[in-house]
Amino acid sequence: MEKTLKYIKDNGFKVKSKKKTLSYINKYGDFRLIEGYGSVLKKYIAKPTTKQLILLFEFDTTLSALMSKYILDFEKILNNVAIQTILQLEDLEQDYVLDIVKNPAHSNLKNKGYGTFVNDIYENIDSCDLLASFPDKTKIPLKALSVSWSFHTIIAFINLQSQNVKTAISSRFRVTDCYDEFISACHSIRKFRNTISHNGIFLSTTLDFYCQQFNYLLNRFLNKNHKPDSPINVIKLIELLEYFLDTNLKSEILKHFKHKDKITKKILSKICD
């Protein structure tokens, strides 16, 4: 115990409540808290305490859980919108079964992404309880088969469609003439979801790719003034999801945090300036 407390103090933290601090260290590990969240906290607080460290950890954990819900909502909606749009515009029956050899649901079978897509479409069937009732996996209707697809797979399938179908899909998310930017934003959202899934520090996560496309959408549709190459951060993610889902995520998120918790709000605003 004394060795752990010395390690914490040597890393520049004033210990508030030895019992609570040691409990968190024992649960989550000193590397995650001190080296991970501690390094974030020390960027914004000159003399941090373990109380502030725990507050930051709890704030980030809650925020990432909330954002996971909204990202998964977007993924489910995108999946359904894509499949229903394809069935409608390609004049296919609701029970249409995907033919991976000769598929009328899209014309560009030589697209370089098609080979990867073919390898992915049946990958998660056995682990999807919703598809357990289908004895022959090659005869599962497309709208049922797609529920087993990963975020990456549904994006790949959308990319294989005609430009008319692509535009119709992005239009359902209020992006009428910027399909390439829309699909790049989908990839960015997927990367944030992966950060949550892999237990990264969500609050300070930034992305340096697809920045121009992401910022273009924010600037155009939300009247922002972001530099084209400025990194994508959590605030930008929330703002674009608000637009795509047509809902006020910020107000929903704030309901889960105490208004008196000034330290975490201060850090959030500084990280995302």
C-alpha atoms as a PDB file:
ATOM      1  CA  MET A   1       0.000   0.000   0.000  1.00  0.00           C
ATOM      2  CA  GLU A   2       2.717   2.475   0.977  1.00  0.00           C
ATOM      3  CA  LYS A   3       4.638   1.633  -2.185  1.00  0.00           C
ATOM      4  CA  THR A   4       1.581   2.391  -4.315  1.00  0.00           C
ATOM      5  CA  LEU A   5       0.946   5.675  -2.506  1.00  0.00           C
ATOM      6  CA  LYS A   6       4.574   6.681  -3.033  1.00  0.00           C
ATOM      7  CA  TYR A   7       4.235   5.870  -6.750  1.00  0.00           C
ATOM      8  CA  ILE A   8       1.161   8.103  -6.966  1.00  0.00           C
ATOM      9  CA  LYS A   9       2.850  10.977  -5.131  1.00  0.00           C
ATOM     10  CA  ASP A  10       6.036  10.609  -7.174  1.00  0.00           C
ATOM     11  CA  ASN A  11       3.896  11.126 -10.267  1.00  0.00           C
ATOM     12  CA  GLY A  12       2.793  14.524  -8.987  1.00  0.00           C
ATOM     13  CA  PHE A  13      -0.559  13.746  -7.364  1.00  0.00           C
ATOM     14  CA  LYS A  14      -1.762  14.877  -3.988  1.00  0.00           C
ATOM     15  CA  VAL A  15      -3.607  11.946  -2.449  1.00  0.00           C
ATOM     16  CA  LYS A  16      -7.173  12.673  -1.366  1.00  0.00           C
ATOM     17  CA  SER A  17      -8.785   9.755   0.484  1.00  0.00           C
ATOM     18  CA  LYS A  18      -6.204   6.986   0.597  1.00  0.00           C
ATOM     19  CA  LYS A  19      -8.890   4.303   0.839  1.00  0.00           C
ATOM     20  CA  LYS A  20     -10.810   5.430  -2.258  1.00  0.00           C
ATOM     21  CA  THR A  21      -7.636   6.046  -4.257  1.00  0.00           C
ATOM     22  CA  LEU A  22      -6.241   2.586  -3.512  1.00  0.00           C
ATOM     23  CA  SER A  23      -9.629   1.028  -4.289  1.00  0.00           C
ATOM     24  CA  TYR A  24      -9.622   2.560  -7.782  1.00  0.00           C
ATOM     25  CA  ILE A  25      -5.999   1.571  -8.357  1.00  0.00           C
ATOM     26  CA  ASN A  26      -6.753  -2.013  -7.345  1.00  0.00           C
ATOM     27  CA  LYS A  27      -9.805  -2.153  -9.636  1.00  0.00           C
ATOM     28  CA  TYR A  28      -8.507  -0.456 -12.747  1.00  0.00           C
ATOM     29  CA  GLY A  29      -4.716  -0.523 -12.506  1.00  0.00           C
ATOM     30  CA  ASP A  30      -2.171   2.170 -11.841  1.00  0.00           C
ATOM     31  CA  PHE A  31      -1.043   2.411 -15.481  1.00  0.00           C
ATOM     32  CA  ARG A  32      -4.541   3.194 -16.804  1.00  0.00           C
ATOM     33  CA  LEU A  33      -5.241   5.776 -14.089  1.00  0.00           C
ATOM     34  CA  ILE A  34      -1.873   7.391 -13.345  1.00  0.00           C
ATOM     35  CA  GLU A  35      -0.101   7.130 -16.689  1.00  0.00           C
ATOM     36  CA  GLY A  36      -3.248   7.350 -18.831  1.00  0.00           C
ATOM     37  CA  TYR A  37      -5.817   9.632 -17.251  1.00  0.00           C
ATOM     38  CA  GLY A  38      -3.137  11.260 -15.128  1.00  0.00           C
ATOM     39  CA  SER A  39      -1.233  12.450 -18.187  1.00  0.00           C
ATOM     40  CA  VAL A  40      -4.432  14.028 -19.541  1.00  0.00           C
ATOM     41  CA  LEU A  41      -5.268  15.702 -16.224  1.00  0.00           C
ATOM     42  CA  LYS A  42      -1.792  17.172 -15.759  1.00  0.00           C
ATOM     43  CA  LYS A  43      -2.056  19.020 -19.060  1.00  0.00           C
ATOM     44  CA  TYR A  44      -4.803  21.208 -17.595  1.00  0.00           C
ATOM     45  CA  ILE A  45      -4.318  21.140 -13.818  1.00  0.00           C
ATOM     46  CA  ALA A  46      -1.035  22.365 -12.334  1.00  0.00           C
ATOM     47  CA  LYS A  47      -1.264  20.453  -9.050  1.00  0.00           C
ATOM     48  CA  PRO A  48      -3.748  17.607  -9.564  1.00  0.00           C
ATOM     49  CA  THR A  49      -5.268  15.530  -6.803  1.00  0.00           C
ATOM     50  CA  THR A  50      -6.393  11.922  -6.882  1.00  0.00           C
ATOM     51  CA  LYS A  51      -9.956  13.177  -6.337  1.00  0.00           C
ATOM     52  CA  GLN A  52      -9.738  15.102  -9.589  1.00  0.00           C
ATOM     53  CA  LEU A  53      -8.213  12.056 -11.264  1.00  0.00           C
ATOM     54  CA  ILE A  54     -11.113   9.848 -10.170  1.00  0.00           C
ATOM     55  CA  LEU A  55     -13.621  12.491 -11.273  1.00  0.00           C
ATOM     56  CA  LEU A  56     -12.009  12.584 -14.724  1.00  0.00           C
ATOM     57  CA  PHE A  57     -11.993   8.795 -14.980  1.00  0.00           C
ATOM     58  CA  GLU A  58     -15.668   8.552 -13.984  1.00  0.00           C
ATOM     59  CA  PHE A  59     -16.623  11.386 -16.312  1.00  0.00           C
ATOM     60  CA  ASP A  60     -14.862   9.773 -19.268  1.00  0.00           C
ATOM     61  CA  THR A  61     -16.307   6.345 -18.478  1.00  0.00           C
ATOM     62  CA  THR A  62     -19.857   7.725 -18.362  1.00  0.00           C
ATOM     63  CA  LEU A  63     -19.388   9.884 -21.456  1.00  0.00           C
ATOM     64  CA  SER A  64     -17.985   7.011 -23.512  1.00  0.00           C
ATOM     65  CA  ALA A  65     -20.881   4.759 -22.465  1.00  0.00           C
ATOM     66  CA  LEU A  66     -23.398   7.421 -23.507  1.00  0.00           C
ATOM     67  CA  MET A  67     -21.667   8.052 -26.809  1.00  0.00           C
ATOM     68  CA  SER A  68     -21.493   4.323 -27.469  1.00  0.00           C
ATOM     69  CA  LYS A  69     -25.293   4.254 -27.304  1.00  0.00           C
ATOM     70  CA  TYR A  70     -25.651   7.096 -29.806  1.00  0.00           C
ATOM     71  CA  ILE A  71     -23.009   5.710 -32.156  1.00  0.00           C
ATOM     72  CA  LEU A  72     -24.669   2.286 -32.117  1.00  0.00           C
ATOM     73  CA  ASP A  73     -28.010   3.981 -32.793  1.00  0.00           C
ATOM     74  CA  PHE A  74     -26.489   5.686 -35.823  1.00  0.00           C
ATOM     75  CA  GLU A  75     -24.973   2.389 -37.000  1.00  0.00           C
ATOM     76  CA  LYS A  76     -28.317   0.553 -36.738  1.00  0.00           C
ATOM     77  CA  ILE A  77     -30.168   3.359 -38.524  1.00  0.00           C
ATOM     78  CA  LEU A  78     -27.529   3.530 -41.278  1.00  0.00           C
ATOM     79  CA  ASN A  79     -27.775  -0.228 -41.757  1.00  0.00           C
ATOM     80  CA  ASN A  80     -31.565  -0.161 -42.092  1.00  0.00           C
ATOM     81  CA  VAL A  81     -31.633   2.958 -44.280  1.00  0.00           C
ATOM     82  CA  ALA A  82     -29.017   1.491 -46.627  1.00  0.00           C
ATOM     83  CA  ILE A  83     -30.746  -1.863 -47.072  1.00  0.00           C
ATOM     84  CA  GLN A  84     -34.245  -0.422 -47.479  1.00  0.00           C
ATOM     85  CA  THR A  85     -32.993   2.195 -49.957  1.00  0.00           C
ATOM     86  CA  ILE A  86     -31.233  -0.468 -52.026  1.00  0.00           C
ATOM     87  CA  LEU A  87     -34.281  -2.753 -52.073  1.00  0.00           C
ATOM     88  CA  GLN A  88     -36.524   0.130 -53.094  1.00  0.00           C
ATOM     89  CA  LEU A  89     -34.354   1.764 -55.757  1.00  0.00           C
ATOM     90  CA  GLU A  90     -33.248  -1.551 -57.257  1.00  0.00           C
ATOM     91  CA  ASP A  91     -36.897  -2.708 -57.272  1.00  0.00           C
ATOM     92  CA  LEU A  92     -36.163  -5.814 -55.190  1.00  0.00           C
ATOM     93  CA  GLU A  93     -38.558  -7.804 -53.021  1.00  0.00           C
ATOM     94  CA  GLN A  94     -38.327  -7.504 -49.234  1.00  0.00           C
ATOM     95  CA  ASP A  95     -37.246 -11.162 -49.078  1.00  0.00           C
ATOM     96  CA  TYR A  96     -34.473 -10.671 -51.664  1.00  0.00           C
ATOM     97  CA  VAL A  97     -31.482 -12.943 -51.035  1.00  0.00           C
ATOM     98  CA  LEU A  98     -28.046 -11.553 -51.831  1.00  0.00           C
ATOM     99  CA  ASP A  99     -26.305 -13.384 -54.663  1.00  0.00           C
ATOM    100  CA  ILE A 100     -22.596 -12.797 -54.179  1.00  0.00           C
ATOM    101  CA  VAL A 101     -21.754 -14.135 -57.651  1.00  0.00           C
ATOM    102  CA  LYS A 102     -24.286 -12.263 -59.777  1.00  0.00           C
ATOM    103  CA  ASN A 103     -25.971  -9.618 -57.726  1.00  0.00           C
ATOM    104  CA  PRO A 104     -28.618  -7.259 -59.151  1.00  0.00           C
ATOM    105  CA  ALA A 105     -28.429  -5.121 -56.008  1.00  0.00           C
ATOM    106  CA  HIS A 106     -25.355  -3.404 -57.414  1.00  0.00           C
ATOM    107  CA  SER A 107     -23.710  -3.291 -60.811  1.00  0.00           C
ATOM    108  CA  ASN A 108     -20.042  -2.701 -60.018  1.00  0.00           C
ATOM    109  CA  LEU A 109     -18.951  -6.278 -59.223  1.00  0.00           C
ATOM    110  CA  LYS A 110     -15.377  -5.499 -60.247  1.00  0.00           C
ATOM    111  CA  ASN A 111     -15.044  -2.821 -57.609  1.00  0.00           C
ATOM    112  CA  LYS A 112     -11.839  -3.425 -55.655  1.00  0.00           C
ATOM    113  CA  GLY A 113     -13.797  -3.518 -52.397  1.00  0.00           C
ATOM    114  CA  TYR A 114     -16.084  -6.330 -53.490  1.00  0.00           C
ATOM    115  CA  GLY A 115     -13.646  -9.136 -52.669  1.00  0.00           C
ATOM    116  CA  THR A 116     -13.275  -7.878 -49.102  1.00  0.00           C
ATOM    117  CA  PHE A 117     -17.007  -7.486 -48.774  1.00  0.00           C
ATOM    118  CA  VAL A 118     -17.667 -11.061 -49.940  1.00  0.00           C
ATOM    119  CA  ASN A 119     -15.345 -12.338 -47.206  1.00  0.00           C
ATOM    120  CA  ASP A 120     -17.193 -10.347 -44.536  1.00  0.00           C
ATOM    121  CA  ILE A 121     -20.886 -10.855 -45.290  1.00  0.00           C
ATOM    122  CA  TYR A 122     -21.201 -14.261 -43.602  1.00  0.00           C
ATOM    123  CA  GLU A 123     -18.465 -13.793 -40.993  1.00  0.00           C
ATOM    124  CA  ASN A 124     -20.702 -13.082 -37.992  1.00  0.00           C
ATOM    125  CA  ILE A 125     -23.769 -15.178 -38.816  1.00  0.00           C
ATOM    126  CA  ASP A 126     -23.073 -17.939 -36.281  1.00  0.00           C
ATOM    127  CA  SER A 127     -22.721 -15.435 -33.448  1.00  0.00           C
ATOM    128  CA  CYS A 128     -25.923 -13.556 -34.355  1.00  0.00           C
ATOM    129  CA  ASP A 129     -28.887 -14.944 -32.394  1.00  0.00           C
ATOM    130  CA  LEU A 130     -31.350 -13.210 -34.712  1.00  0.00           C
ATOM    131  CA  LEU A 131     -30.239 -15.480 -37.565  1.00  0.00           C
ATOM    132  CA  ALA A 132     -30.282 -18.766 -35.659  1.00  0.00           C
ATOM    133  CA  SER A 133     -33.589 -19.813 -37.250  1.00  0.00           C
ATOM    134  CA  PHE A 134     -32.089 -19.930 -40.760  1.00  0.00           C
ATOM    135  CA  PRO A 135     -30.670 -23.442 -41.438  1.00  0.00           C
ATOM    136  CA  ASP A 136     -29.214 -22.479 -44.818  1.00  0.00           C
ATOM    137  CA  LYS A 137     -27.004 -19.425 -44.381  1.00  0.00           C
ATOM    138  CA  THR A 138     -26.863 -18.757 -48.131  1.00  0.00           C
ATOM    139  CA  LYS A 139     -30.635 -18.215 -48.260  1.00  0.00           C
ATOM    140  CA  ILE A 140     -30.972 -15.537 -45.612  1.00  0.00           C
ATOM    141  CA  PRO A 141     -32.817 -12.455 -46.964  1.00  0.00           C
ATOM    142  CA  LEU A 142     -30.571  -9.429 -47.339  1.00  0.00           C
ATOM    143  CA  LYS A 143     -32.461  -7.360 -44.771  1.00  0.00           C
ATOM    144  CA  ALA A 144     -31.941 -10.152 -42.196  1.00  0.00           C
ATOM    145  CA  LEU A 145     -28.378 -10.974 -43.212  1.00  0.00           C
ATOM    146  CA  SER A 146     -27.315  -7.343 -42.829  1.00  0.00           C
ATOM    147  CA  VAL A 147     -28.090  -7.252 -39.105  1.00  0.00           C
ATOM    148  CA  SER A 148     -24.995  -9.409 -38.546  1.00  0.00           C
ATOM    149  CA  TRP A 149     -22.722  -7.044 -40.446  1.00  0.00           C
ATOM    150  CA  SER A 150     -20.125  -4.889 -38.774  1.00  0.00           C
ATOM    151  CA  PHE A 151     -20.068  -1.122 -39.226  1.00  0.00           C
ATOM    152  CA  HIS A 152     -17.196  -1.579 -41.685  1.00  0.00           C
ATOM    153  CA  THR A 153     -19.132  -4.142 -43.738  1.00  0.00           C
ATOM    154  CA  ILE A 154     -22.250  -2.001 -44.162  1.00  0.00           C
ATOM    155  CA  ILE A 155     -20.057   0.924 -45.285  1.00  0.00           C
ATOM    156  CA  ALA A 156     -18.307  -1.382 -47.770  1.00  0.00           C
ATOM    157  CA  PHE A 157     -21.670  -2.543 -49.125  1.00  0.00           C
ATOM    158  CA  ILE A 158     -22.890   1.023 -49.525  1.00  0.00           C
ATOM    159  CA  ASN A 159     -19.704   1.869 -51.427  1.00  0.00           C
ATOM    160  CA  LEU A 160     -20.501  -0.859 -53.967  1.00  0.00           C
ATOM    161  CA  GLN A 161     -23.807   0.707 -54.941  1.00  0.00           C
ATOM    162  CA  SER A 162     -24.590   3.031 -57.824  1.00  0.00           C
ATOM    163  CA  GLN A 163     -24.126   6.749 -57.324  1.00  0.00           C
ATOM    164  CA  ASN A 164     -27.892   7.178 -57.341  1.00  0.00           C
ATOM    165  CA  VAL A 165     -28.279   4.755 -54.417  1.00  0.00           C
ATOM    166  CA  LYS A 166     -25.344   6.292 -52.508  1.00  0.00           C
ATOM    167  CA  THR A 167     -26.818   9.759 -52.801  1.00  0.00           C
ATOM    168  CA  ALA A 168     -30.238   8.539 -51.701  1.00  0.00           C
ATOM    169  CA  ILE A 169     -28.717   6.941 -48.591  1.00  0.00           C
ATOM    170  CA  SER A 170     -26.713  10.013 -47.551  1.00  0.00           C
ATOM    171  CA  SER A 171     -29.749  12.208 -48.225  1.00  0.00           C
ATOM    172  CA  ARG A 172     -31.627  10.366 -45.486  1.00  0.00           C
ATOM    173  CA  PHE A 173     -29.067  11.886 -43.105  1.00  0.00           C
ATOM    174  CA  ARG A 174     -29.554  15.375 -44.560  1.00  0.00           C
ATOM    175  CA  VAL A 175     -26.439  15.234 -46.742  1.00  0.00           C
ATOM    176  CA  THR A 176     -27.765  15.548 -50.277  1.00  0.00           C
ATOM    177  CA  ASP A 177     -24.742  16.205 -52.474  1.00  0.00           C
ATOM    178  CA  CYS A 178     -21.692  15.258 -50.389  1.00  0.00           C
ATOM    179  CA  TYR A 179     -21.687  11.454 -50.415  1.00  0.00           C
ATOM    180  CA  ASP A 180     -17.874  11.117 -50.231  1.00  0.00           C
ATOM    181  CA  GLU A 181     -17.741  13.403 -47.207  1.00  0.00           C
ATOM    182  CA  PHE A 182     -20.637  11.541 -45.608  1.00  0.00           C
ATOM    183  CA  ILE A 183     -19.020   8.125 -45.973  1.00  0.00           C
ATOM    184  CA  SER A 184     -15.681   9.464 -44.692  1.00  0.00           C
ATOM    185  CA  ALA A 185     -17.536  10.795 -41.638  1.00  0.00           C
ATOM    186  CA  CYS A 186     -19.018   7.309 -41.140  1.00  0.00           C
ATOM    187  CA  HIS A 187     -15.501   5.878 -41.038  1.00  0.00           C
ATOM    188  CA  SER A 188     -14.518   8.493 -38.443  1.00  0.00           C
ATOM    189  CA  ILE A 189     -17.541   7.643 -36.292  1.00  0.00           C
ATOM    190  CA  ARG A 190     -16.541   3.985 -36.544  1.00  0.00           C
ATOM    191  CA  LYS A 191     -13.039   4.833 -35.306  1.00  0.00           C
ATOM    192  CA  PHE A 192     -14.456   6.605 -32.250  1.00  0.00           C
ATOM    193  CA  ARG A 193     -16.609   3.562 -31.549  1.00  0.00           C
ATOM    194  CA  ASN A 194     -13.493   1.371 -31.704  1.00  0.00           C
ATOM    195  CA  THR A 195     -11.786   3.639 -29.170  1.00  0.00           C
ATOM    196  CA  ILE A 196     -14.665   3.007 -26.774  1.00  0.00           C
ATOM    197  CA  SER A 197     -14.672  -0.744 -27.466  1.00  0.00           C
ATOM    198  CA  HIS A 198     -10.939  -0.974 -26.795  1.00  0.00           C
ATOM    199  CA  ASN A 199     -11.195   1.005 -23.539  1.00  0.00           C
ATOM    200  CA  GLY A 200      -9.245   4.017 -24.750  1.00  0.00           C
ATOM    201  CA  ILE A 201      -9.443   7.451 -23.141  1.00  0.00           C
ATOM    202  CA  PHE A 202     -12.456   8.713 -25.045  1.00  0.00           C
ATOM    203  CA  LEU A 203     -12.433  12.326 -23.871  1.00  0.00           C
ATOM    204  CA  SER A 204      -9.018  13.116 -25.329  1.00  0.00           C
ATOM    205  CA  THR A 205      -9.366  11.007 -28.487  1.00  0.00           C
ATOM    206  CA  THR A 206      -8.654  12.878 -31.710  1.00  0.00           C
ATOM    207  CA  LEU A 207      -8.447  11.710 -35.315  1.00  0.00           C
ATOM    208  CA  ASP A 208      -6.073  13.152 -37.890  1.00  0.00           C
ATOM    209  CA  PHE A 209      -7.548  11.445 -40.970  1.00  0.00           C
ATOM    210  CA  TYR A 210     -10.737  12.320 -42.882  1.00  0.00           C
ATOM    211  CA  CYS A 211     -10.421  15.744 -41.219  1.00  0.00           C
ATOM    212  CA  GLN A 212     -11.141  17.758 -44.337  1.00  0.00           C
ATOM    213  CA  GLN A 213     -14.318  15.839 -45.121  1.00  0.00           C
ATOM    214  CA  PHE A 214     -15.531  15.919 -41.502  1.00  0.00           C
ATOM    215  CA  ASN A 215     -14.830  19.638 -41.059  1.00  0.00           C
ATOM    216  CA  TYR A 216     -16.414  20.381 -44.427  1.00  0.00           C
ATOM    217  CA  LEU A 217     -19.706  18.869 -43.256  1.00  0.00           C
ATOM    218  CA  LEU A 218     -19.600  20.745 -39.951  1.00  0.00           C
ATOM    219  CA  ASN A 219     -18.770  24.032 -41.627  1.00  0.00           C
ATOM    220  CA  ARG A 220     -21.398  23.660 -44.314  1.00  0.00           C
ATOM    221  CA  PHE A 221     -24.352  22.247 -42.425  1.00  0.00           C
ATOM    222  CA  LEU A 222     -23.722  23.566 -38.905  1.00  0.00           C
ATOM    223  CA  ASN A 223     -22.238  26.945 -39.869  1.00  0.00           C
ATOM    224  CA  LYS A 224     -18.950  26.226 -38.107  1.00  0.00           C
ATOM    225  CA  ASN A 225     -15.594  27.711 -39.020  1.00  0.00           C
ATOM    226  CA  HIS A 226     -13.162  24.843 -38.479  1.00  0.00           C
ATOM    227  CA  LYS A 227      -9.868  24.791 -40.346  1.00  0.00           C
ATOM    228  CA  PRO A 228      -9.961  22.000 -42.950  1.00  0.00           C
ATOM    229  CA  ASP A 229      -7.016  20.121 -41.426  1.00  0.00           C
ATOM    230  CA  SER A 230      -7.990  20.599 -37.758  1.00  0.00           C
ATOM    231  CA  PRO A 231      -8.271  17.246 -35.897  1.00  0.00           C
ATOM    232  CA  ILE A 232     -11.620  15.620 -35.219  1.00  0.00           C
ATOM    233  CA  ASN A 233     -12.393  15.589 -31.494  1.00  0.00           C
ATOM    234  CA  VAL A 234     -15.212  14.459 -29.224  1.00  0.00           C
ATOM    235  CA  ILE A 235     -17.125  17.742 -29.463  1.00  0.00           C
ATOM    236  CA  LYS A 236     -17.068  17.610 -33.267  1.00  0.00           C
ATOM    237  CA  LEU A 237     -18.254  14.010 -33.139  1.00  0.00           C
ATOM    238  CA  ILE A 238     -21.204  14.967 -30.941  1.00  0.00           C
ATOM    239  CA  GLU A 239     -22.109  17.895 -33.199  1.00  0.00           C
ATOM    240  CA  LEU A 240     -22.115  15.832 -36.385  1.00  0.00           C
ATOM    241  CA  LEU A 241     -24.078  12.999 -34.776  1.00  0.00           C
ATOM    242  CA  GLU A 242     -26.598  15.609 -33.640  1.00  0.00           C
ATOM    243  CA  TYR A 243     -26.996  16.634 -37.257  1.00  0.00           C
ATOM    244  CA  PHE A 244     -27.200  13.112 -38.672  1.00  0.00           C
ATOM    245  CA  LEU A 245     -29.650  11.912 -36.009  1.00  0.00           C
ATOM    246  CA  ASP A 246     -31.534  15.235 -35.886  1.00  0.00           C
ATOM    247  CA  THR A 247     -31.542  15.345 -32.087  1.00  0.00           C
ATOM    248  CA  ASN A 248     -29.972  17.390 -29.284  1.00  0.00           C
ATOM    249  CA  LEU A 249     -27.316  15.045 -27.939  1.00  0.00           C
ATOM    250  CA  LYS A 250     -25.605  17.702 -25.849  1.00  0.00           C
ATOM    251  CA  SER A 251     -28.666  18.276 -23.704  1.00  0.00           C
ATOM    252  CA  GLU A 252     -29.148  14.522 -23.336  1.00  0.00           C
ATOM    253  CA  ILE A 253     -25.522  14.099 -22.276  1.00  0.00           C
ATOM    254  CA  LEU A 254     -25.623  16.958 -19.754  1.00  0.00           C
ATOM    255  CA  LYS A 255     -28.548  15.305 -17.960  1.00  0.00           C
ATOM    256  CA  HIS A 256     -26.127  12.627 -16.771  1.00  0.00           C
ATOM    257  CA  PHE A 257     -23.634  14.988 -15.120  1.00  0.00           C
ATOM    258  CA  LYS A 258     -23.809  17.138 -12.025  1.00  0.00           C
ATOM    259  CA  HIS A 259     -23.813  20.835 -12.788  1.00  0.00           C
ATOM    260  CA  LYS A 260     -21.490  21.450  -9.841  1.00  0.00           C
ATOM    261  CA  ASP A 261     -18.802  19.213 -11.371  1.00  0.00           C
ATOM    262  CA  LYS A 262     -16.773  22.136 -12.714  1.00  0.00           C
ATOM    263  CA  ILE A 263     -13.459  20.329 -13.090  1.00  0.00           C
ATOM    264  CA  THR A 264     -14.604  17.835 -15.720  1.00  0.00           C
ATOM    265  CA  LYS A 265     -16.471  20.489 -17.709  1.00  0.00           C
ATOM    266  CA  LYS A 266     -13.407  22.706 -17.586  1.00  0.00           C
ATOM    267  CA  ILE A 267     -11.216  19.891 -18.890  1.00  0.00           C
ATOM    268  CA  LEU A 268     -13.740  18.968 -21.571  1.00  0.00           C
ATOM    269  CA  SER A 269     -13.901  22.523 -22.887  1.00  0.00           C
ATOM    270  CA  LYS A 270     -10.108  22.903 -22.888  1.00  0.00           C
ATOM    271  CA  ILE A 271      -9.425  19.579 -24.587  1.00  0.00           C
ATOM    272  CA  CYS A 272     -11.911  20.359 -27.334  1.00  0.00           C
ATOM    273  CA  ASP A 273     -11.067  24.010 -27.994  1.00  0.00           C
END
